[in-house]
Amino acid sequence: MRLEKIAAKALENVGYDRYLLSIAVAKRANELATGSMPLIDVDIKQYKYADIAIMEIAEGKIKIEVKKSS
């Protein structure tokens, strides 16, 4: 699947909130960069960490929760 379609699916999974998606991708990419293993079957050397993070979110491997302040 093309990265554009994957990004669209990831955006759908976070309720079309681009800011929330960007924060989630940044946090997960940082985790991957510091040694975490991908939750999907992908070659780390072939993709950038941010691309892997988007793929994980698109496939539903990472759930994003929004905490509402009271």
N, C-alpha and C. Protein backbone atom coordinates (compact mmCIF):
# COMPACT_ATOMS: atom_id res chain seq x y z
N MET A 1 0.85 -1.17 0.00
CA MET A 1 0.00 0.00 0.00
C MET A 1 0.90 1.24 0.00
N ARG A 2 0.48 2.24 -0.70
CA ARG A 2 1.25 3.49 -0.78
C ARG A 2 1.18 4.25 0.53
N LEU A 3 2.22 4.99 0.80
CA LEU A 3 2.31 5.72 2.06
C LEU A 3 1.19 6.74 2.22
N GLU A 4 0.71 7.31 1.12
CA GLU A 4 -0.39 8.27 1.21
C GLU A 4 -1.66 7.61 1.74
N LYS A 5 -1.93 6.39 1.28
CA LYS A 5 -3.11 5.66 1.75
C LYS A 5 -2.93 5.24 3.20
N ILE A 6 -1.72 4.87 3.56
CA ILE A 6 -1.43 4.48 4.94
C ILE A 6 -1.62 5.68 5.86
N ALA A 7 -1.13 6.83 5.45
CA ALA A 7 -1.29 8.05 6.24
C ALA A 7 -2.76 8.43 6.39
N ALA A 8 -3.54 8.25 5.35
CA ALA A 8 -4.98 8.55 5.41
C ALA A 8 -5.68 7.61 6.39
N LYS A 9 -5.30 6.34 6.39
CA LYS A 9 -5.88 5.37 7.32
C LYS A 9 -5.47 5.71 8.76
N ALA A 10 -4.21 6.10 8.96
CA ALA A 10 -3.76 6.48 10.30
C ALA A 10 -4.52 7.71 10.78
N LEU A 11 -4.73 8.67 9.90
CA LEU A 11 -5.48 9.87 10.24
C LEU A 11 -6.92 9.52 10.62
N GLU A 12 -7.50 8.59 9.92
CA GLU A 12 -8.85 8.12 10.24
C GLU A 12 -8.88 7.49 11.64
N ASN A 13 -7.83 6.74 11.97
CA ASN A 13 -7.78 6.05 13.26
C ASN A 13 -7.62 7.00 14.45
N VAL A 14 -7.22 8.24 14.21
CA VAL A 14 -7.11 9.21 15.30
C VAL A 14 -8.20 10.28 15.21
N GLY A 15 -9.26 9.96 14.52
CA GLY A 15 -10.40 10.88 14.44
C GLY A 15 -10.13 12.11 13.61
N TYR A 16 -9.28 11.98 12.61
CA TYR A 16 -8.94 13.07 11.67
C TYR A 16 -8.31 14.28 12.36
N ASP A 17 -7.63 14.02 13.47
CA ASP A 17 -6.94 15.09 14.20
C ASP A 17 -5.47 15.05 13.80
N ARG A 18 -5.07 15.95 12.91
CA ARG A 18 -3.69 15.96 12.40
C ARG A 18 -2.67 16.25 13.50
N TYR A 19 -3.02 17.11 14.42
CA TYR A 19 -2.11 17.43 15.51
C TYR A 19 -1.86 16.19 16.37
N LEU A 20 -2.92 15.50 16.73
CA LEU A 20 -2.80 14.29 17.54
C LEU A 20 -1.97 13.23 16.82
N LEU A 21 -2.19 13.09 15.52
CA LEU A 21 -1.41 12.12 14.75
C LEU A 21 0.06 12.50 14.73
N SER A 22 0.35 13.77 14.55
CA SER A 22 1.76 14.18 14.49
C SER A 22 2.46 13.94 15.82
N ILE A 23 1.79 14.19 16.92
CA ILE A 23 2.37 13.95 18.24
C ILE A 23 2.60 12.44 18.45
N ALA A 24 1.62 11.63 18.08
CA ALA A 24 1.74 10.18 18.24
C ALA A 24 2.87 9.62 17.39
N VAL A 25 2.98 10.09 16.15
CA VAL A 25 4.04 9.62 15.26
C VAL A 25 5.41 10.02 15.82
N ALA A 26 5.53 11.25 16.29
CA ALA A 26 6.80 11.72 16.84
C ALA A 26 7.22 10.90 18.05
N LYS A 27 6.29 10.63 18.95
CA LYS A 27 6.62 9.84 20.15
C LYS A 27 7.02 8.42 19.78
N ARG A 28 6.27 7.81 18.88
CA ARG A 28 6.58 6.43 18.50
C ARG A 28 7.88 6.36 17.71
N ALA A 29 8.12 7.32 16.82
CA ALA A 29 9.37 7.34 16.06
C ALA A 29 10.56 7.48 16.99
N ASN A 30 10.41 8.28 18.05
CA ASN A 30 11.47 8.43 19.03
C ASN A 30 11.72 7.10 19.76
N GLU A 31 10.65 6.40 20.10
CA GLU A 31 10.81 5.08 20.74
C GLU A 31 11.55 4.12 19.82
N LEU A 32 11.19 4.13 18.55
CA LEU A 32 11.86 3.24 17.58
C LEU A 32 13.34 3.61 17.44
N ALA A 33 13.62 4.90 17.44
CA ALA A 33 15.00 5.38 17.29
C ALA A 33 15.86 4.99 18.49
N THR A 34 15.24 4.83 19.65
CA THR A 34 15.99 4.49 20.85
C THR A 34 16.00 3.00 21.14
N GLY A 35 15.56 2.20 20.17
CA GLY A 35 15.72 0.76 20.30
C GLY A 35 14.48 -0.09 20.40
N SER A 36 13.30 0.49 20.46
CA SER A 36 12.08 -0.32 20.50
C SER A 36 11.92 -1.08 19.20
N MET A 37 11.34 -2.26 19.30
CA MET A 37 11.10 -3.07 18.11
C MET A 37 9.77 -2.68 17.48
N PRO A 38 9.69 -2.69 16.15
CA PRO A 38 8.42 -2.38 15.48
C PRO A 38 7.35 -3.40 15.83
N LEU A 39 6.11 -2.96 15.87
CA LEU A 39 4.98 -3.84 16.16
C LEU A 39 4.45 -4.50 14.89
N ILE A 40 5.02 -4.14 13.75
CA ILE A 40 4.63 -4.74 12.48
C ILE A 40 5.86 -5.38 11.86
N ASP A 41 5.64 -6.26 10.91
CA ASP A 41 6.73 -6.95 10.25
C ASP A 41 7.25 -6.08 9.11
N VAL A 42 8.34 -5.37 9.40
CA VAL A 42 8.91 -4.45 8.42
C VAL A 42 10.41 -4.36 8.66
N ASP A 43 11.15 -4.13 7.60
CA ASP A 43 12.59 -3.98 7.70
C ASP A 43 12.92 -2.56 8.16
N ILE A 44 13.51 -2.44 9.34
CA ILE A 44 13.83 -1.13 9.91
C ILE A 44 14.78 -0.34 9.01
N LYS A 45 15.64 -1.03 8.32
CA LYS A 45 16.63 -0.35 7.47
C LYS A 45 16.02 0.21 6.19
N GLN A 46 14.86 -0.29 5.82
CA GLN A 46 14.23 0.12 4.56
C GLN A 46 13.34 1.36 4.73
N TYR A 47 12.81 1.58 5.94
CA TYR A 47 11.87 2.67 6.17
C TYR A 47 12.39 3.61 7.25
N LYS A 48 11.93 4.84 7.21
CA LYS A 48 12.23 5.81 8.26
C LYS A 48 11.36 5.47 9.47
N TYR A 49 11.82 5.90 10.65
CA TYR A 49 11.07 5.61 11.87
C TYR A 49 9.67 6.20 11.84
N ALA A 50 9.53 7.40 11.30
CA ALA A 50 8.21 8.03 11.22
C ALA A 50 7.27 7.24 10.32
N ASP A 51 7.80 6.69 9.23
CA ASP A 51 6.97 5.88 8.33
C ASP A 51 6.49 4.61 9.03
N ILE A 52 7.37 3.99 9.80
CA ILE A 52 7.00 2.78 10.54
C ILE A 52 5.92 3.13 11.57
N ALA A 53 6.08 4.25 12.25
CA ALA A 53 5.10 4.68 13.25
C ALA A 53 3.73 4.90 12.60
N ILE A 54 3.70 5.54 11.45
CA ILE A 54 2.42 5.75 10.75
C ILE A 54 1.80 4.42 10.36
N MET A 55 2.63 3.48 9.89
CA MET A 55 2.11 2.16 9.51
C MET A 55 1.52 1.45 10.73
N GLU A 56 2.18 1.55 11.87
CA GLU A 56 1.67 0.91 13.09
C GLU A 56 0.32 1.50 13.49
N ILE A 57 0.19 2.80 13.41
CA ILE A 57 -1.07 3.46 13.77
C ILE A 57 -2.16 3.09 12.77
N ALA A 58 -1.82 3.06 11.49
CA ALA A 58 -2.80 2.71 10.45
C ALA A 58 -3.31 1.29 10.62
N GLU A 59 -2.44 0.38 11.04
CA GLU A 59 -2.83 -1.02 11.23
C GLU A 59 -3.49 -1.26 12.58
N GLY A 60 -3.60 -0.23 13.39
CA GLY A 60 -4.27 -0.38 14.69
C GLY A 60 -3.40 -1.02 15.76
N LYS A 61 -2.10 -1.08 15.53
CA LYS A 61 -1.20 -1.68 16.52
C LYS A 61 -0.96 -0.73 17.68
N ILE A 62 -1.18 0.56 17.45
CA ILE A 62 -1.02 1.56 18.50
C ILE A 62 -2.34 2.29 18.64
N LYS A 63 -2.84 2.34 19.85
CA LYS A 63 -4.08 3.04 20.15
C LYS A 63 -3.74 4.38 20.77
N ILE A 64 -4.40 5.42 20.34
CA ILE A 64 -4.16 6.75 20.86
C ILE A 64 -5.36 7.14 21.71
N GLU A 65 -5.08 7.47 22.98
CA GLU A 65 -6.13 7.87 23.87
C GLU A 65 -5.98 9.36 24.19
N VAL A 66 -7.09 10.04 24.20
CA VAL A 66 -7.09 11.46 24.53
C VAL A 66 -7.66 11.61 25.93
N LYS A 67 -6.87 12.19 26.82
CA LYS A 67 -7.34 12.42 28.17
C LYS A 67 -7.98 13.80 28.21
N LYS A 68 -9.22 13.83 28.61
CA LYS A 68 -9.94 15.10 28.70
C LYS A 68 -9.78 15.67 30.10
N SER A 69 -9.43 16.93 30.14
CA SER A 69 -9.31 17.57 31.45
C SER A 69 -10.68 18.00 31.95
N SER A 70 -10.84 17.97 33.25
CA SER A 70 -12.16 18.31 33.80
C SER A 70 -12.21 19.72 34.31
